[in-house]
């Protein structure tokens, strides 16, 4: 009985922590994809968003020309 109650408690306490699978387009993070705008920040925001969700989701990169420029020291 104790094992059952402990299992039930663990199961019900973890239900709220699961997150639904989500699909987001890179443009929702501010990317332009026009071949002129630096889209590095949009990809950084998307990476942070999906990392915070434990990688639970899919990033859609719609048709376009994306520019990445950043400095590495």
N, C-alpha and C. Protein backbone atom coordinates (compact mmCIF):
# COMPACT_ATOMS: atom_id res chain seq x y z
N UNK A 1 0.82 -1.19 0.00
CA UNK A 1 0.00 0.00 0.00
C UNK A 1 0.87 1.26 0.00
N UNK A 2 1.94 1.25 0.82
CA UNK A 2 2.83 2.41 0.86
C UNK A 2 3.48 2.64 -0.50
N UNK A 3 3.87 1.55 -1.15
CA UNK A 3 4.50 1.67 -2.46
C UNK A 3 3.53 2.26 -3.47
N UNK A 4 2.29 1.82 -3.43
CA UNK A 4 1.28 2.35 -4.34
C UNK A 4 1.06 3.84 -4.10
N UNK A 5 0.94 4.25 -2.85
CA UNK A 5 0.72 5.67 -2.55
C UNK A 5 1.93 6.52 -2.96
N UNK A 6 3.13 6.00 -2.74
CA UNK A 6 4.33 6.73 -3.15
C UNK A 6 4.38 6.86 -4.67
N UNK A 7 4.07 5.79 -5.37
CA UNK A 7 4.05 5.83 -6.84
C UNK A 7 3.00 6.81 -7.34
N UNK A 8 1.84 6.81 -6.74
CA UNK A 8 0.77 7.73 -7.12
C UNK A 8 1.18 9.17 -6.87
N UNK A 9 1.82 9.43 -5.75
CA UNK A 9 2.28 10.78 -5.43
C UNK A 9 3.31 11.26 -6.45
N UNK A 10 4.28 10.42 -6.76
CA UNK A 10 5.32 10.80 -7.73
C UNK A 10 4.71 11.05 -9.10
N UNK A 11 3.80 10.20 -9.52
CA UNK A 11 3.16 10.36 -10.83
C UNK A 11 2.37 11.65 -10.90
N UNK A 12 1.57 11.94 -9.91
CA UNK A 12 0.73 13.15 -9.95
C UNK A 12 1.55 14.42 -9.76
N UNK A 13 2.66 14.34 -9.06
CA UNK A 13 3.46 15.55 -8.85
C UNK A 13 4.30 15.91 -10.06
N UNK A 14 4.52 14.97 -10.97
CA UNK A 14 5.32 15.26 -12.16
C UNK A 14 4.48 15.58 -13.39
N UNK A 15 3.18 15.45 -13.32
CA UNK A 15 2.33 15.72 -14.47
C UNK A 15 2.47 17.16 -14.94
N UNK A 16 2.51 18.10 -14.04
CA UNK A 16 2.59 19.51 -14.40
C UNK A 16 3.90 19.92 -15.03
N UNK A 17 4.94 19.11 -14.88
CA UNK A 17 6.24 19.47 -15.42
C UNK A 17 6.41 19.09 -16.89
N UNK A 18 5.57 18.22 -17.40
CA UNK A 18 5.71 17.85 -18.80
C UNK A 18 5.16 18.97 -19.67
N UNK A 19 5.86 19.26 -20.75
CA UNK A 19 5.45 20.33 -21.64
C UNK A 19 5.07 19.74 -22.98
N UNK A 20 4.07 20.31 -23.59
CA UNK A 20 3.62 19.82 -24.88
C UNK A 20 4.66 20.11 -25.95
N UNK A 21 4.74 19.22 -26.93
CA UNK A 21 5.62 19.42 -28.08
C UNK A 21 5.14 20.65 -28.83
N UNK A 22 6.05 21.53 -29.17
CA UNK A 22 5.67 22.78 -29.82
C UNK A 22 6.50 22.97 -31.08
N UNK A 23 5.88 23.54 -32.09
CA UNK A 23 6.56 23.88 -33.34
C UNK A 23 6.54 25.38 -33.48
N UNK A 24 7.70 25.96 -33.74
CA UNK A 24 7.81 27.41 -33.92
C UNK A 24 8.62 27.70 -35.17
N UNK A 25 8.24 28.73 -35.88
CA UNK A 25 8.99 29.20 -37.04
C UNK A 25 10.07 30.17 -36.56
N UNK A 26 11.22 30.14 -37.22
CA UNK A 26 12.32 31.02 -36.83
C UNK A 26 11.91 32.49 -36.93
N UNK A 27 10.98 32.81 -37.80
CA UNK A 27 10.55 34.20 -37.96
C UNK A 27 9.79 34.70 -36.73
N UNK A 28 9.23 33.79 -35.94
CA UNK A 28 8.56 34.21 -34.70
C UNK A 28 9.56 34.68 -33.65
N UNK A 29 10.85 34.41 -33.88
CA UNK A 29 11.90 34.89 -32.98
C UNK A 29 12.58 36.14 -33.53
N UNK A 30 12.07 36.66 -34.63
CA UNK A 30 12.57 37.92 -35.18
C UNK A 30 13.44 37.81 -36.42
N UNK A 31 13.63 36.62 -36.94
CA UNK A 31 14.44 36.47 -38.16
C UNK A 31 13.69 37.06 -39.35
N UNK A 32 14.45 37.62 -40.28
CA UNK A 32 13.86 38.20 -41.49
C UNK A 32 14.02 37.26 -42.68
N UNK A 33 15.19 36.67 -42.85
CA UNK A 33 15.43 35.76 -43.97
C UNK A 33 15.44 36.46 -45.31
N UNK A 34 15.80 37.76 -45.31
CA UNK A 34 15.76 38.54 -46.54
C UNK A 34 17.12 38.69 -47.20
N UNK A 35 18.16 38.09 -46.64
CA UNK A 35 19.49 38.17 -47.23
C UNK A 35 20.24 39.45 -46.91
N UNK A 36 19.65 40.34 -46.15
CA UNK A 36 20.29 41.61 -45.79
C UNK A 36 20.42 41.79 -44.28
N UNK A 37 19.51 41.22 -43.54
CA UNK A 37 19.45 41.41 -42.09
C UNK A 37 20.23 40.31 -41.38
N UNK A 38 20.98 40.68 -40.34
CA UNK A 38 21.69 39.70 -39.52
C UNK A 38 20.67 38.96 -38.64
N UNK A 39 20.49 37.68 -38.89
CA UNK A 39 19.49 36.88 -38.17
C UNK A 39 20.08 36.08 -37.01
N UNK A 40 21.32 36.35 -36.66
CA UNK A 40 21.99 35.61 -35.60
C UNK A 40 21.21 35.66 -34.28
N UNK A 41 20.73 36.83 -33.90
CA UNK A 41 20.02 36.99 -32.62
C UNK A 41 18.74 36.16 -32.59
N UNK A 42 18.04 36.07 -33.70
CA UNK A 42 16.81 35.26 -33.75
C UNK A 42 17.12 33.78 -33.51
N UNK A 43 18.20 33.29 -34.10
CA UNK A 43 18.58 31.90 -33.90
C UNK A 43 19.06 31.67 -32.46
N UNK A 44 19.72 32.65 -31.88
CA UNK A 44 20.14 32.54 -30.48
C UNK A 44 18.92 32.47 -29.57
N UNK A 45 17.92 33.31 -29.83
CA UNK A 45 16.68 33.30 -29.04
C UNK A 45 15.95 31.96 -29.19
N UNK A 46 15.91 31.44 -30.39
CA UNK A 46 15.25 30.15 -30.63
C UNK A 46 15.97 29.03 -29.88
N UNK A 47 17.30 29.05 -29.90
CA UNK A 47 18.07 28.03 -29.19
C UNK A 47 17.80 28.10 -27.69
N UNK A 48 17.77 29.31 -27.14
CA UNK A 48 17.50 29.47 -25.71
C UNK A 48 16.09 29.00 -25.36
N UNK A 49 15.13 29.30 -26.22
CA UNK A 49 13.74 28.89 -25.99
C UNK A 49 13.62 27.37 -25.93
N UNK A 50 14.17 26.69 -26.93
CA UNK A 50 14.05 25.23 -26.97
C UNK A 50 14.93 24.55 -25.93
N UNK A 51 16.06 25.13 -25.58
CA UNK A 51 16.88 24.58 -24.49
C UNK A 51 16.13 24.66 -23.16
N UNK A 52 15.41 25.75 -22.93
CA UNK A 52 14.64 25.90 -21.69
C UNK A 52 13.52 24.87 -21.61
N UNK A 53 13.05 24.40 -22.75
CA UNK A 53 12.00 23.38 -22.81
C UNK A 53 12.58 21.97 -22.86
N UNK A 54 13.87 21.84 -22.66
CA UNK A 54 14.49 20.52 -22.70
C UNK A 54 14.58 19.96 -24.11
N UNK A 55 14.56 20.84 -25.11
CA UNK A 55 14.64 20.38 -26.50
C UNK A 55 13.34 19.82 -27.02
N UNK A 56 12.26 20.01 -26.28
CA UNK A 56 10.97 19.44 -26.65
C UNK A 56 10.25 20.34 -27.65
N UNK A 57 10.54 20.15 -28.92
CA UNK A 57 9.89 20.95 -29.94
C UNK A 57 10.62 20.87 -31.26
N UNK A 58 10.11 21.63 -32.22
CA UNK A 58 10.70 21.63 -33.56
C UNK A 58 10.79 23.06 -34.04
N UNK A 59 11.95 23.43 -34.56
CA UNK A 59 12.17 24.75 -35.13
C UNK A 59 12.04 24.63 -36.64
N UNK A 60 11.11 25.39 -37.21
CA UNK A 60 10.92 25.41 -38.65
C UNK A 60 11.68 26.61 -39.21
N UNK A 61 12.51 26.35 -40.20
CA UNK A 61 13.25 27.43 -40.86
C UNK A 61 12.63 27.59 -42.24
N UNK A 62 11.79 28.62 -42.37
CA UNK A 62 11.09 28.82 -43.62
C UNK A 62 12.04 29.32 -44.70
N UNK A 63 11.58 29.21 -45.93
CA UNK A 63 12.39 29.58 -47.09
C UNK A 63 12.88 31.02 -46.97
N UNK A 64 14.15 31.22 -47.26
CA UNK A 64 14.74 32.54 -47.20
C UNK A 64 16.25 32.44 -47.16
N UNK A 65 16.90 33.58 -47.16
CA UNK A 65 18.35 33.64 -47.05
C UNK A 65 18.68 34.27 -45.70
N UNK A 66 19.27 33.49 -44.81
CA UNK A 66 19.55 33.93 -43.46
C UNK A 66 21.03 34.28 -43.32
N UNK A 67 21.30 35.43 -42.73
CA UNK A 67 22.67 35.92 -42.55
C UNK A 67 23.05 35.75 -41.08
N UNK A 68 24.26 35.21 -40.84
CA UNK A 68 24.80 35.06 -39.49
C UNK A 68 26.14 35.76 -39.44
N UNK A 69 26.26 36.76 -38.62
CA UNK A 69 27.56 37.37 -38.38
C UNK A 69 27.71 37.57 -36.88
N UNK A 70 28.79 37.09 -36.34
CA UNK A 70 29.08 37.27 -34.92
C UNK A 70 30.58 37.12 -34.72
N UNK A 71 31.05 37.68 -33.64
CA UNK A 71 32.47 37.64 -33.33
C UNK A 71 32.77 36.51 -32.36
N UNK A 72 33.82 35.79 -32.63
CA UNK A 72 34.31 34.76 -31.71
C UNK A 72 35.67 35.20 -31.21
N UNK A 73 35.82 35.28 -29.92
CA UNK A 73 37.10 35.70 -29.34
C UNK A 73 37.89 34.50 -28.89
